[in-house]
C-alpha cells in the first residue's frame, strides 16, 4: 500500500511541479522507476505481491495488497502512453478481480494485518475507473460497480445508541455513514474521504443517484472530529486541524450499552485523503448538502 501511494503521488507531484514551472524530473523518475520494477518483476499470475526485500525478491506473494501498484501503473500510462504500463495493469487487475474481488474478499490492504478488510478495495475501484476510461470495455464498468458495492458493504448504515458518557457524544461525532476497517475490528475511521470523489464520478457515469448520496454521506462523515483548536477529548486539548485515526465501539461492563471512544493517535493521513478527493473533484459545492 505505502509503495503504491508513494509512487503514485510522486508522479502526481511531478505533474503539479511542471504546471507551476518548477519541474522536478527526479520525482517523475522515482515514480516511473517503481512502475518499471513491477513491470519486470510481476509474479507469474501478473500480481505484485505484498512484501519485497531490498534485493528485489518477493517475500510474500499473496493477498490483495499489491493492487495498490495499479494506481501508479495506470498513472504512468496516462502520463507516458507507454503500453507496457497498461498491459501490466490489465493483467494484474484480471487476477485481483477473479481471485479476490469477485469473491467479495479483499485482503491485507492494511499491511500489518492478514485479514479481510476494506482498504484493498480502493485501488480496485480506482483502477477499474481508469481502465474503463482507457479501453471503453463494459467489463471494467461492471468491475467498477462491483468494487463500489464492496466498499459500500463497509459503510455503516445506522448510528448505534451509545452510553451517555461516551467521548464520541461529547465530540458530536456521528457514527452513521462512516467506514469499517477490517472484520476483526469493531471500529471505523475517515478512510472514506479518499474515494468520495470516485462515487460521485460513478453516479455521473451510471446515472445512479445512490452513489452520489453515499459519496456525500461519506465525505461529510469523514470531516467529523476535526479539532477547531478548542476540542477537548479525555481531558486533553487537541491541536487545530487534528483528527483521530480510529473511533471504536465496545460493550459496557453490563453488556447492555455501547461505549464509543476516540483513539489518541492524531495522524496526518485523514487530511491527505480528503485532499485527494478535493484534487479529483473540482466542484467542491457538490459536497455541501
C-alpha atoms as a PDB file:
ATOM      1  CA  UNK A   1       0.000   0.000   0.000  1.00  0.00           C
ATOM      2  CA  UNK A   2       2.660   2.520   1.019  1.00  0.00           C
ATOM      3  CA  UNK A   3       4.759   1.916  -2.098  1.00  0.00           C
ATOM      4  CA  UNK A   4       1.708   2.221  -4.332  1.00  0.00           C
ATOM      5  CA  UNK A   5       0.628   5.511  -2.806  1.00  0.00           C
ATOM      6  CA  UNK A   6       4.225   6.725  -2.780  1.00  0.00           C
ATOM      7  CA  UNK A   7       4.901   6.051  -6.455  1.00  0.00           C
ATOM      8  CA  UNK A   8       1.510   7.450  -7.462  1.00  0.00           C
ATOM      9  CA  UNK A   9       1.944  10.672  -5.527  1.00  0.00           C
ATOM     10  CA  UNK A  10       5.471  11.241  -6.834  1.00  0.00           C
ATOM     11  CA  UNK A  11       4.000  11.115 -10.334  1.00  0.00           C
ATOM     12  CA  UNK A  12       1.188  13.476  -9.351  1.00  0.00           C
ATOM     13  CA  UNK A  13       3.656  15.839  -7.666  1.00  0.00           C
ATOM     14  CA  UNK A  14       5.896  15.873 -10.739  1.00  0.00           C
ATOM     15  CA  UNK A  15       2.922  16.937 -12.879  1.00  0.00           C
ATOM     16  CA  UNK A  16       1.992  19.719 -10.481  1.00  0.00           C
ATOM     17  CA  UNK A  17       5.606  20.915 -10.371  1.00  0.00           C
ATOM     18  CA  UNK A  18       5.674  21.118 -14.157  1.00  0.00           C
ATOM     19  CA  UNK A  19       2.397  23.044 -14.216  1.00  0.00           C
ATOM     20  CA  UNK A  20       3.822  25.774 -11.992  1.00  0.00           C
ATOM     21  CA  UNK A  21       7.048  25.969 -13.976  1.00  0.00           C
ATOM     22  CA  UNK A  22       9.255  24.284 -11.390  1.00  0.00           C
ATOM     23  CA  UNK A  23       9.835  20.807 -12.842  1.00  0.00           C
ATOM     24  CA  UNK A  24      11.173  18.063 -10.616  1.00  0.00           C
ATOM     25  CA  UNK A  25      12.338  15.358 -13.040  1.00  0.00           C
ATOM     26  CA  UNK A  26      13.622  13.139 -10.227  1.00  0.00           C
ATOM     27  CA  UNK A  27      10.105  12.909  -8.791  1.00  0.00           C
ATOM     28  CA  UNK A  28       8.817  11.674 -12.129  1.00  0.00           C
ATOM     29  CA  UNK A  29      11.762   9.284 -12.458  1.00  0.00           C
ATOM     30  CA  UNK A  30      11.174   7.818  -8.997  1.00  0.00           C
ATOM     31  CA  UNK A  31       7.524   7.103  -9.780  1.00  0.00           C
ATOM     32  CA  UNK A  32       8.264   5.610 -13.182  1.00  0.00           C
ATOM     33  CA  UNK A  33      11.191   3.562 -11.860  1.00  0.00           C
ATOM     34  CA  UNK A  34       8.889   1.960  -9.284  1.00  0.00           C
ATOM     35  CA  UNK A  35       6.433   1.083 -12.046  1.00  0.00           C
ATOM     36  CA  UNK A  36       9.211  -0.262 -14.257  1.00  0.00           C
ATOM     37  CA  UNK A  37      10.340  -2.540 -11.429  1.00  0.00           C
ATOM     38  CA  UNK A  38       6.899  -4.119 -11.189  1.00  0.00           C
ATOM     39  CA  UNK A  39       6.529  -4.366 -14.962  1.00  0.00           C
ATOM     40  CA  UNK A  40       9.577  -6.633 -14.985  1.00  0.00           C
ATOM     41  CA  UNK A  41       9.021  -8.277 -11.586  1.00  0.00           C
ATOM     42  CA  UNK A  42       5.326  -9.102 -11.717  1.00  0.00           C
ATOM     43  CA  UNK A  43       4.578 -12.559 -10.361  1.00  0.00           C
ATOM     44  CA  UNK A  44       3.565 -15.366 -12.742  1.00  0.00           C
ATOM     45  CA  UNK A  45      -0.129 -14.539 -12.303  1.00  0.00           C
ATOM     46  CA  UNK A  46       0.545 -10.861 -13.015  1.00  0.00           C
ATOM     47  CA  UNK A  47       0.099  -9.651  -9.428  1.00  0.00           C
ATOM     48  CA  UNK A  48       2.628  -7.641  -7.448  1.00  0.00           C
ATOM     49  CA  UNK A  49       2.885  -9.411  -4.095  1.00  0.00           C
ATOM     50  CA  UNK A  50       2.687  -7.964  -0.615  1.00  0.00           C
ATOM     51  CA  UNK A  51       6.306  -7.565   0.540  1.00  0.00           C
ATOM     52  CA  UNK A  52       9.678  -7.344  -1.195  1.00  0.00           C
ATOM     53  CA  UNK A  53      13.269  -7.386   0.005  1.00  0.00           C
ATOM     54  CA  UNK A  54      15.733  -4.614  -0.800  1.00  0.00           C
ATOM     55  CA  UNK A  55      17.379  -7.090  -3.180  1.00  0.00           C
ATOM     56  CA  UNK A  56      14.195  -7.311  -5.269  1.00  0.00           C
ATOM     57  CA  UNK A  57      12.960 -10.671  -4.004  1.00  0.00           C
ATOM     58  CA  UNK A  58       9.260 -11.143  -3.313  1.00  0.00           C
ATOM     59  CA  UNK A  59       8.948 -12.185   0.324  1.00  0.00           C
ATOM     60  CA  UNK A  60       5.160 -12.518   0.424  1.00  0.00           C
ATOM     61  CA  UNK A  61       3.323 -13.232  -2.845  1.00  0.00           C
ATOM     62  CA  UNK A  62      -0.267 -13.384  -1.615  1.00  0.00           C
ATOM     63  CA  UNK A  63      -3.091 -11.040  -0.536  1.00  0.00           C
ATOM     64  CA  UNK A  64      -4.641  -8.071  -2.377  1.00  0.00           C
ATOM     65  CA  UNK A  65      -2.052  -5.608  -1.056  1.00  0.00           C
ATOM     66  CA  UNK A  66      -0.201  -5.354  -4.362  1.00  0.00           C
ATOM     67  CA  UNK A  67      -3.303  -3.945  -6.049  1.00  0.00           C
ATOM     68  CA  UNK A  68      -2.167  -0.533  -4.809  1.00  0.00           C
ATOM     69  CA  UNK A  69       0.549  -0.695  -7.502  1.00  0.00           C
ATOM     70  CA  UNK A  70      -2.268  -0.430 -10.052  1.00  0.00           C
ATOM     71  CA  UNK A  71      -2.646   3.252  -9.150  1.00  0.00           C
ATOM     72  CA  UNK A  72       0.858   4.416 -10.183  1.00  0.00           C
ATOM     73  CA  UNK A  73       0.914   1.924 -13.068  1.00  0.00           C
ATOM     74  CA  UNK A  74      -2.174   3.493 -14.644  1.00  0.00           C
ATOM     75  CA  UNK A  75      -0.976   6.982 -13.795  1.00  0.00           C
ATOM     76  CA  UNK A  76       2.287   6.179 -15.594  1.00  0.00           C
ATOM     77  CA  UNK A  77       0.299   5.087 -18.643  1.00  0.00           C
ATOM     78  CA  UNK A  78      -1.777   8.284 -18.520  1.00  0.00           C
ATOM     79  CA  UNK A  79       1.407  10.362 -18.430  1.00  0.00           C
ATOM     80  CA  UNK A  80       3.544   8.469 -20.955  1.00  0.00           C
ATOM     81  CA  UNK A  81       1.078   6.432 -23.030  1.00  0.00           C
ATOM     82  CA  UNK A  82       3.608   3.589 -22.953  1.00  0.00           C
ATOM     83  CA  UNK A  83       1.636   0.375 -23.446  1.00  0.00           C
ATOM     84  CA  UNK A  84       3.769  -1.651 -21.017  1.00  0.00           C
ATOM     85  CA  UNK A  85       2.128   0.078 -18.066  1.00  0.00           C
ATOM     86  CA  UNK A  86      -1.400  -0.508 -19.319  1.00  0.00           C
ATOM     87  CA  UNK A  87      -0.664  -4.138 -20.184  1.00  0.00           C
ATOM     88  CA  UNK A  88       0.855  -4.836 -16.758  1.00  0.00           C
ATOM     89  CA  UNK A  89      -2.085  -3.180 -15.027  1.00  0.00           C
ATOM     90  CA  UNK A  90      -4.689  -5.079 -17.050  1.00  0.00           C
ATOM     91  CA  UNK A  91      -3.017  -8.418 -16.387  1.00  0.00           C
ATOM     92  CA  UNK A  92      -2.730  -7.798 -12.648  1.00  0.00           C
ATOM     93  CA  UNK A  93      -6.252  -6.382 -12.399  1.00  0.00           C
ATOM     94  CA  UNK A  94      -7.682  -9.508 -14.029  1.00  0.00           C
ATOM     95  CA  UNK A  95      -6.148 -11.733 -11.364  1.00  0.00           C
ATOM     96  CA  UNK A  96      -7.090  -9.488  -8.459  1.00  0.00           C
ATOM     97  CA  UNK A  97     -10.634  -9.299  -9.835  1.00  0.00           C
ATOM     98  CA  UNK A  98     -11.131 -13.029 -10.385  1.00  0.00           C
ATOM     99  CA  UNK A  99      -9.250 -14.200  -7.303  1.00  0.00           C
ATOM    100  CA  UNK A 100     -10.333 -11.584  -4.772  1.00  0.00           C
ATOM    101  CA  UNK A 101     -12.961  -9.007  -5.710  1.00  0.00           C
ATOM    102  CA  UNK A 102     -15.260 -11.482  -7.483  1.00  0.00           C
ATOM    103  CA  UNK A 103     -15.275 -13.425  -4.207  1.00  0.00           C
ATOM    104  CA  UNK A 104     -16.071 -10.171  -2.367  1.00  0.00           C
ATOM    105  CA  UNK A 105     -12.897 -10.702  -0.327  1.00  0.00           C
ATOM    106  CA  UNK A 106     -10.072  -8.164  -0.489  1.00  0.00           C
ATOM    107  CA  UNK A 107      -7.297  -8.853   1.972  1.00  0.00           C
ATOM    108  CA  UNK A 108      -4.431  -7.216   3.792  1.00  0.00           C
ATOM    109  CA  UNK A 109      -4.927  -3.679   2.491  1.00  0.00           C
ATOM    110  CA  UNK A 110      -3.672  -2.739   5.928  1.00  0.00           C
ATOM    111  CA  UNK A 111      -0.219  -4.260   5.560  1.00  0.00           C
ATOM    112  CA  UNK A 112       0.097  -5.087   9.261  1.00  0.00           C
ATOM    113  CA  UNK A 113      -2.871  -7.496   9.225  1.00  0.00           C
ATOM    114  CA  UNK A 114      -3.569 -10.515   7.022  1.00  0.00           C
ATOM    115  CA  UNK A 115      -7.310 -10.146   7.211  1.00  0.00           C
ATOM    116  CA  UNK A 116     -10.336  -9.333   5.093  1.00  0.00           C
ATOM    117  CA  UNK A 117     -10.677  -5.585   5.024  1.00  0.00           C
ATOM    118  CA  UNK A 118     -11.812  -2.533   3.185  1.00  0.00           C
ATOM    119  CA  UNK A 119      -8.612  -0.786   2.110  1.00  0.00           C
ATOM    120  CA  UNK A 120      -7.583  -3.049  -0.765  1.00  0.00           C
ATOM    121  CA  UNK A 121     -10.945  -2.420  -2.403  1.00  0.00           C
ATOM    122  CA  UNK A 122      -9.935   1.193  -3.009  1.00  0.00           C
ATOM    123  CA  UNK A 123      -7.230   0.599  -5.671  1.00  0.00           C
ATOM    124  CA  UNK A 124      -9.602  -1.827  -7.384  1.00  0.00           C
ATOM    125  CA  UNK A 125     -12.199   0.961  -7.572  1.00  0.00           C
ATOM    126  CA  UNK A 126      -9.706   3.494  -8.918  1.00  0.00           C
ATOM    127  CA  UNK A 127      -8.131   1.030 -11.363  1.00  0.00           C
ATOM    128  CA  UNK A 128     -11.462  -0.127 -12.766  1.00  0.00           C
ATOM    129  CA  UNK A 129     -12.435   3.505 -13.353  1.00  0.00           C
ATOM    130  CA  UNK A 130      -9.201   4.232 -15.218  1.00  0.00           C
ATOM    131  CA  UNK A 131      -9.328   1.005 -17.214  1.00  0.00           C
ATOM    132  CA  UNK A 132     -12.888   1.730 -18.302  1.00  0.00           C
ATOM    133  CA  UNK A 133     -11.825   5.204 -19.396  1.00  0.00           C
ATOM    134  CA  UNK A 134      -8.803   3.908 -21.309  1.00  0.00           C
ATOM    135  CA  UNK A 135     -10.462   0.928 -23.002  1.00  0.00           C
ATOM    136  CA  UNK A 136     -14.203   1.614 -23.053  1.00  0.00           C
ATOM    137  CA  UNK A 137     -14.797  -2.039 -22.144  1.00  0.00           C
ATOM    138  CA  UNK A 138     -18.063  -2.588 -20.281  1.00  0.00           C
ATOM    139  CA  UNK A 139     -16.361  -5.380 -18.346  1.00  0.00           C
ATOM    140  CA  UNK A 140     -14.403  -2.719 -16.484  1.00  0.00           C
ATOM    141  CA  UNK A 141     -17.582  -0.770 -15.769  1.00  0.00           C
ATOM    142  CA  UNK A 142     -19.043  -3.946 -14.284  1.00  0.00           C
ATOM    143  CA  UNK A 143     -15.889  -4.378 -12.176  1.00  0.00           C
ATOM    144  CA  UNK A 144     -16.088  -0.718 -11.151  1.00  0.00           C
ATOM    145  CA  UNK A 145     -19.611  -1.180  -9.824  1.00  0.00           C
ATOM    146  CA  UNK A 146     -18.579  -4.374  -8.037  1.00  0.00           C
ATOM    147  CA  UNK A 147     -15.715  -2.545  -6.321  1.00  0.00           C
ATOM    148  CA  UNK A 148     -18.113   0.243  -5.356  1.00  0.00           C
ATOM    149  CA  UNK A 149     -20.527  -2.250  -3.811  1.00  0.00           C
ATOM    150  CA  UNK A 150     -17.651  -3.916  -1.996  1.00  0.00           C
ATOM    151  CA  UNK A 151     -16.673  -0.609  -0.398  1.00  0.00           C
ATOM    152  CA  UNK A 152     -20.334   0.198   0.308  1.00  0.00           C
ATOM    153  CA  UNK A 153     -20.539  -3.035   2.313  1.00  0.00           C
ATOM    154  CA  UNK A 154     -18.099  -1.425   4.768  1.00  0.00           C
ATOM    155  CA  UNK A 155     -20.143   1.748   5.160  1.00  0.00           C
ATOM    156  CA  UNK A 156     -22.192   1.981   8.370  1.00  0.00           C
ATOM    157  CA  UNK A 157     -25.882   2.376   7.595  1.00  0.00           C
ATOM    158  CA  UNK A 158     -27.029   3.273  11.082  1.00  0.00           C
ATOM    159  CA  UNK A 159     -25.820   5.111  14.168  1.00  0.00           C
ATOM    160  CA  UNK A 160     -25.873   2.815  17.234  1.00  0.00           C
ATOM    161  CA  UNK A 161     -27.070   4.313  20.542  1.00  0.00           C
ATOM    162  CA  UNK A 162     -24.134   4.916  22.884  1.00  0.00           C
ATOM    163  CA  UNK A 163     -23.632   5.235  26.607  1.00  0.00           C
ATOM    164  CA  UNK A 164     -24.104   8.912  27.598  1.00  0.00           C
ATOM    165  CA  UNK A 165     -20.533   9.065  28.930  1.00  0.00           C
ATOM    166  CA  UNK A 166     -19.071   8.136  25.538  1.00  0.00           C
ATOM    167  CA  UNK A 167     -16.488  10.722  24.375  1.00  0.00           C
ATOM    168  CA  UNK A 168     -17.947  10.481  20.871  1.00  0.00           C
ATOM    169  CA  UNK A 169     -21.186  12.053  22.079  1.00  0.00           C
ATOM    170  CA  UNK A 170     -19.233  14.884  23.661  1.00  0.00           C
ATOM    171  CA  UNK A 171     -17.440  15.395  20.329  1.00  0.00           C
ATOM    172  CA  UNK A 172     -20.751  15.417  18.397  1.00  0.00           C
ATOM    173  CA  UNK A 173     -19.361  12.555  16.358  1.00  0.00           C
ATOM    174  CA  UNK A 174     -21.890  10.808  14.112  1.00  0.00           C
ATOM    175  CA  UNK A 175     -21.296   7.097  13.512  1.00  0.00           C
ATOM    176  CA  UNK A 176     -23.692   6.956  10.526  1.00  0.00           C
ATOM    177  CA  UNK A 177     -22.018   6.797   7.116  1.00  0.00           C
ATOM    178  CA  UNK A 178     -18.513   6.016   8.336  1.00  0.00           C
ATOM    179  CA  UNK A 179     -16.429   3.118   7.062  1.00  0.00           C
ATOM    180  CA  UNK A 180     -15.440  -0.012   8.909  1.00  0.00           C
ATOM    181  CA  UNK A 181     -11.858  -1.194   8.737  1.00  0.00           C
ATOM    182  CA  UNK A 182     -11.472  -4.989   8.919  1.00  0.00           C
ATOM    183  CA  UNK A 183     -13.522  -7.980  10.012  1.00  0.00           C
ATOM    184  CA  UNK A 184     -11.597  -8.138  13.277  1.00  0.00           C
ATOM    185  CA  UNK A 185     -12.188  -4.520  14.302  1.00  0.00           C
ATOM    186  CA  UNK A 186     -15.468  -3.062  15.578  1.00  0.00           C
ATOM    187  CA  UNK A 187     -14.385   0.430  14.705  1.00  0.00           C
ATOM    188  CA  UNK A 188     -14.338   2.970  11.904  1.00  0.00           C
ATOM    189  CA  UNK A 189     -12.105   5.697  10.532  1.00  0.00           C
ATOM    190  CA  UNK A 190     -12.158   8.587   7.995  1.00  0.00           C
ATOM    191  CA  UNK A 191     -10.794   6.494   5.103  1.00  0.00           C
ATOM    192  CA  UNK A 192     -13.927   7.155   3.079  1.00  0.00           C
ATOM    193  CA  UNK A 193     -12.748  10.693   2.376  1.00  0.00           C
ATOM    194  CA  UNK A 194     -10.259   9.121  -0.036  1.00  0.00           C
ATOM    195  CA  UNK A 195     -12.789   7.758  -2.524  1.00  0.00           C
ATOM    196  CA  UNK A 196     -15.828  10.041  -2.125  1.00  0.00           C
ATOM    197  CA  UNK A 197     -14.942  11.655  -5.464  1.00  0.00           C
ATOM    198  CA  UNK A 198     -14.957   8.261  -7.201  1.00  0.00           C
ATOM    199  CA  UNK A 199     -18.511   7.551  -6.071  1.00  0.00           C
ATOM    200  CA  UNK A 200     -19.563  10.968  -7.393  1.00  0.00           C
ATOM    201  CA  UNK A 201     -17.966  10.122 -10.714  1.00  0.00           C
ATOM    202  CA  UNK A 202     -19.658   6.720 -10.729  1.00  0.00           C
ATOM    203  CA  UNK A 203     -23.027   8.397 -10.157  1.00  0.00           C
ATOM    204  CA  UNK A 204     -22.384  10.638 -13.153  1.00  0.00           C
ATOM    205  CA  UNK A 205     -21.266   7.699 -15.302  1.00  0.00           C
ATOM    206  CA  UNK A 206     -24.200   5.423 -14.475  1.00  0.00           C
ATOM    207  CA  UNK A 207     -26.973   7.872 -13.625  1.00  0.00           C
ATOM    208  CA  UNK A 208     -27.491   6.035 -10.311  1.00  0.00           C
ATOM    209  CA  UNK A 209     -28.057   8.676  -7.647  1.00  0.00           C
ATOM    210  CA  UNK A 210     -27.369   6.227  -4.817  1.00  0.00           C
ATOM    211  CA  UNK A 211     -23.646   6.699  -5.415  1.00  0.00           C
ATOM    212  CA  UNK A 212     -23.988  10.462  -5.136  1.00  0.00           C
ATOM    213  CA  UNK A 213     -25.903  10.075  -1.871  1.00  0.00           C
ATOM    214  CA  UNK A 214     -23.305   7.682  -0.498  1.00  0.00           C
ATOM    215  CA  UNK A 215     -20.461   9.955  -1.567  1.00  0.00           C
ATOM    216  CA  UNK A 216     -21.924  12.941   0.248  1.00  0.00           C
ATOM    217  CA  UNK A 217     -22.529  10.903   3.403  1.00  0.00           C
ATOM    218  CA  UNK A 218     -19.018   9.505   3.156  1.00  0.00           C
ATOM    219  CA  UNK A 219     -17.408  12.904   2.704  1.00  0.00           C
ATOM    220  CA  UNK A 220     -19.279  14.687   5.452  1.00  0.00           C
ATOM    221  CA  UNK A 221     -18.740  11.828   7.893  1.00  0.00           C
ATOM    222  CA  UNK A 222     -15.000  11.890   7.170  1.00  0.00           C
ATOM    223  CA  UNK A 223     -14.905  15.506   8.386  1.00  0.00           C
ATOM    224  CA  UNK A 224     -16.260  14.661  11.857  1.00  0.00           C
ATOM    225  CA  UNK A 225     -13.919  15.013  14.795  1.00  0.00           C
ATOM    226  CA  UNK A 226     -11.613  17.649  13.285  1.00  0.00           C
ATOM    227  CA  UNK A 227     -10.482  19.922  16.103  1.00  0.00           C
ATOM    228  CA  UNK A 228     -11.009  23.679  15.818  1.00  0.00           C
ATOM    229  CA  UNK A 229      -8.280  24.146  18.405  1.00  0.00           C
ATOM    230  CA  UNK A 230     -10.684  24.084  21.359  1.00  0.00           C
ATOM    231  CA  UNK A 231     -11.744  20.424  21.246  1.00  0.00           C
ATOM    232  CA  UNK A 232     -11.012  18.554  24.480  1.00  0.00           C
ATOM    233  CA  UNK A 233     -11.034  14.742  24.483  1.00  0.00           C
ATOM    234  CA  UNK A 234     -10.084  12.683  27.531  1.00  0.00           C
ATOM    235  CA  UNK A 235      -9.170  15.930  29.259  1.00  0.00           C
ATOM    236  CA  UNK A 236      -6.582  16.904  26.621  1.00  0.00           C
ATOM    237  CA  UNK A 237      -6.896  19.827  24.215  1.00  0.00           C
ATOM    238  CA  UNK A 238      -6.464  18.720  20.612  1.00  0.00           C
ATOM    239  CA  UNK A 239      -4.430  20.917  18.215  1.00  0.00           C
ATOM    240  CA  UNK A 240      -6.145  22.841  15.432  1.00  0.00           C
ATOM    241  CA  UNK A 241      -6.862  20.609  12.444  1.00  0.00           C
ATOM    242  CA  UNK A 242      -6.032  17.351  14.195  1.00  0.00           C
ATOM    243  CA  UNK A 243      -8.266  14.318  13.846  1.00  0.00           C
ATOM    244  CA  UNK A 244      -8.263  10.865  15.396  1.00  0.00           C
ATOM    245  CA  UNK A 245      -7.309   7.882  13.302  1.00  0.00           C
ATOM    246  CA  UNK A 246      -9.877   5.439  14.720  1.00  0.00           C
ATOM    247  CA  UNK A 247     -13.217   5.554  16.519  1.00  0.00           C
ATOM    248  CA  UNK A 248     -14.167   2.402  18.376  1.00  0.00           C
ATOM    249  CA  UNK A 249     -17.117   0.647  19.992  1.00  0.00           C
ATOM    250  CA  UNK A 250     -17.106  -1.684  22.967  1.00  0.00           C
ATOM    251  CA  UNK A 251     -19.749  -3.036  25.284  1.00  0.00           C
ATOM    252  CA  UNK A 252     -20.193  -1.565  28.758  1.00  0.00           C
ATOM    253  CA  UNK A 253     -19.430  -3.972  31.630  1.00  0.00           C
ATOM    254  CA  UNK A 254     -23.112  -4.895  31.970  1.00  0.00           C
ATOM    255  CA  UNK A 255     -23.276  -5.725  28.282  1.00  0.00           C
ATOM    256  CA  UNK A 256     -26.329  -3.551  27.766  1.00  0.00           C
ATOM    257  CA  UNK A 257     -24.860  -0.447  26.144  1.00  0.00           C
ATOM    258  CA  UNK A 258     -22.184   0.542  23.650  1.00  0.00           C
ATOM    259  CA  UNK A 259     -19.344   2.850  24.612  1.00  0.00           C
ATOM    260  CA  UNK A 260     -17.963   4.883  21.736  1.00  0.00           C
ATOM    261  CA  UNK A 261     -14.430   6.157  22.066  1.00  0.00           C
ATOM    262  CA  UNK A 262     -11.757   8.008  20.096  1.00  0.00           C
ATOM    263  CA  UNK A 263      -8.149   6.955  19.674  1.00  0.00           C
ATOM    264  CA  UNK A 264      -5.495   9.461  20.718  1.00  0.00           C
ATOM    265  CA  UNK A 265      -3.333   8.921  17.647  1.00  0.00           C
ATOM    266  CA  UNK A 266      -3.796  12.156  15.693  1.00  0.00           C
ATOM    267  CA  UNK A 267      -2.360  11.214  12.317  1.00  0.00           C
ATOM    268  CA  UNK A 268      -1.996  13.216   9.091  1.00  0.00           C
ATOM    269  CA  UNK A 269      -3.481  10.775   6.592  1.00  0.00           C
ATOM    270  CA  UNK A 270      -7.181  11.745   7.039  1.00  0.00           C
ATOM    271  CA  UNK A 271      -6.376  15.225   5.735  1.00  0.00           C
ATOM    272  CA  UNK A 272      -4.311  13.759   2.883  1.00  0.00           C
ATOM    273  CA  UNK A 273      -7.229  11.514   1.904  1.00  0.00           C
ATOM    274  CA  UNK A 274      -9.642  14.443   1.843  1.00  0.00           C
ATOM    275  CA  UNK A 275      -7.185  16.413  -0.278  1.00  0.00           C
ATOM    276  CA  UNK A 276      -7.201  13.524  -2.779  1.00  0.00           C
ATOM    277  CA  UNK A 277     -10.945  13.881  -3.201  1.00  0.00           C
ATOM    278  CA  UNK A 278     -10.744  17.679  -3.458  1.00  0.00           C
ATOM    279  CA  UNK A 279      -7.982  17.347  -6.059  1.00  0.00           C
ATOM    280  CA  UNK A 280     -10.020  14.921  -8.162  1.00  0.00           C
ATOM    281  CA  UNK A 281     -13.399  16.652  -7.883  1.00  0.00           C
ATOM    282  CA  UNK A 282     -13.097  20.375  -8.654  1.00  0.00           C
ATOM    283  CA  UNK A 283     -16.714  21.343  -7.838  1.00  0.00           C
ATOM    284  CA  UNK A 284     -16.495  21.223  -4.053  1.00  0.00           C
ATOM    285  CA  UNK A 285     -20.017  22.592  -3.666  1.00  0.00           C
ATOM    286  CA  UNK A 286     -21.301  19.157  -4.637  1.00  0.00           C
ATOM    287  CA  UNK A 287     -20.479  18.074  -1.083  1.00  0.00           C
ATOM    288  CA  UNK A 288     -22.354  20.951   0.546  1.00  0.00           C
ATOM    289  CA  UNK A 289     -25.676  19.292   1.330  1.00  0.00           C
END
